[in-house]
Amino acid sequence: MTSGSGGLTRPVEAKFGFDGDLYVNSFETDSILRYDAKTGAFKNAFVPAGIAGLDGPTSILFVKDIPEPTSIVGILAFIFVTGLNIRRRMSRL
């Protein structure tokens, strides 16, 4: 995998997904890109630019089970994730 491959610009974090592929966030193109872990070849934009308000992604998180939003764990997870996003946006102002 090389810089610029698949539109990769200013990568911040890379993680292996449950499928074995490598996912890299591209900060300047506001996307998360997927690469073949064995060959390094670009596969696709897992989260293309402009989707769901993604702006300068700095981390990647994979979860297998998402807790029910009505459970206390689900509510705390929701508050934690939205709180992080609000703090990131406020720090850019």
Protein backbone atom coordinates (compact mmCIF):
# COMPACT_ATOMS: atom_id res chain seq x y z
CA MET A 1 0.00 0.00 0.00
CA THR A 2 1.41 3.37 -0.97
CA SER A 3 0.41 6.93 -0.13
CA GLY A 4 -2.13 8.13 -2.66
CA SER A 5 -3.31 4.60 -3.43
CA GLY A 6 -7.09 4.70 -3.70
CA GLY A 7 -7.08 8.39 -2.77
CA LEU A 8 -5.23 7.92 0.52
CA THR A 9 -4.15 11.28 1.88
CA ARG A 10 -2.80 11.85 5.38
CA PRO A 11 -3.63 8.49 6.97
CA VAL A 12 -4.04 8.65 10.75
CA GLU A 13 -4.95 5.10 11.77
CA ALA A 14 -5.13 1.65 10.22
CA LYS A 15 -6.94 -1.41 11.60
CA PHE A 16 -7.69 -4.91 10.42
CA GLY A 17 -11.40 -5.66 10.10
CA PHE A 18 -13.17 -8.87 11.00
CA ASP A 19 -12.92 -9.82 7.31
CA GLY A 20 -9.10 -9.62 7.39
CA ASP A 21 -8.89 -6.52 5.18
CA LEU A 22 -6.95 -3.42 6.24
CA TYR A 23 -9.00 -0.25 6.80
CA VAL A 24 -7.25 3.13 6.75
CA ASN A 25 -8.76 6.51 7.45
CA SER A 26 -7.84 9.21 4.96
CA PHE A 27 -8.02 12.45 6.95
CA GLU A 28 -7.87 14.93 4.08
CA THR A 29 -10.31 13.11 1.78
CA ASP A 30 -12.81 12.42 4.60
CA SER A 31 -13.06 8.71 3.84
CA ILE A 32 -12.18 5.26 5.13
CA LEU A 33 -10.47 3.09 2.53
CA ARG A 34 -10.22 -0.72 2.35
CA TYR A 35 -7.09 -2.58 1.22
CA ASP A 36 -6.28 -6.24 0.69
CA ALA A 37 -4.18 -7.21 3.72
CA LYS A 38 -2.05 -9.68 1.76
CA THR A 39 -1.26 -7.70 -1.39
CA GLY A 40 -1.81 -4.12 -0.22
CA ALA A 41 -4.02 -3.50 -3.26
CA PHE A 42 -6.77 -0.91 -2.93
CA LYS A 43 -10.21 -2.56 -2.85
CA ASN A 44 -12.72 0.26 -2.39
CA ALA A 45 -13.83 3.22 -0.32
CA PHE A 46 -15.53 1.55 2.65
CA VAL A 47 -16.92 4.95 3.69
CA PRO A 48 -16.72 7.29 0.68
CA ALA A 49 -16.16 11.01 1.10
CA GLY A 50 -19.30 12.95 1.95
CA ILE A 51 -21.16 10.04 3.57
CA ALA A 52 -22.82 10.55 6.98
CA GLY A 53 -20.99 13.80 7.67
CA LEU A 54 -17.58 12.13 8.03
CA ASP A 55 -15.06 14.95 8.42
CA GLY A 56 -11.37 14.27 9.01
CA PRO A 57 -11.65 10.77 10.51
CA THR A 58 -9.04 10.12 13.18
CA SER A 59 -9.96 6.66 14.44
CA ILE A 60 -11.63 3.43 13.38
CA LEU A 61 -13.69 1.17 15.63
CA PHE A 62 -15.17 -2.22 14.76
CA VAL A 63 -17.79 -3.81 17.00
CA LYS A 64 -19.46 -7.19 16.59
CA ASP A 65 -22.42 -6.65 18.88
CA ILE A 66 -24.15 -3.31 19.28
CA PRO A 67 -26.01 -3.02 22.58
CA GLU A 68 -29.72 -2.23 22.55
CA PRO A 69 -30.24 1.53 22.78
CA THR A 70 -32.69 1.00 25.64
CA SER A 71 -30.16 -0.82 27.82
CA ILE A 72 -27.95 1.17 30.18
CA VAL A 73 -24.86 0.00 28.26
CA GLY A 74 -26.39 1.16 24.97
CA ILE A 75 -27.32 4.54 26.42
CA LEU A 76 -23.84 5.05 27.90
CA ALA A 77 -22.20 4.00 24.61
CA PHE A 78 -24.39 6.46 22.69
CA ILE A 79 -23.54 9.30 25.09
CA PHE A 80 -19.82 8.46 24.92
CA VAL A 81 -19.68 8.37 21.10
CA THR A 82 -21.77 11.50 20.56
CA GLY A 83 -19.81 13.32 23.26
CA LEU A 84 -16.54 12.56 21.48
CA ASN A 85 -17.92 13.86 18.18
CA ILE A 86 -19.21 17.06 19.79
CA ARG A 87 -15.84 17.69 21.47
CA ARG A 88 -13.97 17.14 18.20
CA ARG A 89 -16.21 19.56 16.33
CA MET A 90 -15.97 22.18 19.10
CA SER A 91 -12.17 21.96 19.11
CA ARG A 92 -12.11 22.85 15.40
CA LEU A 93 -13.97 26.14 15.97
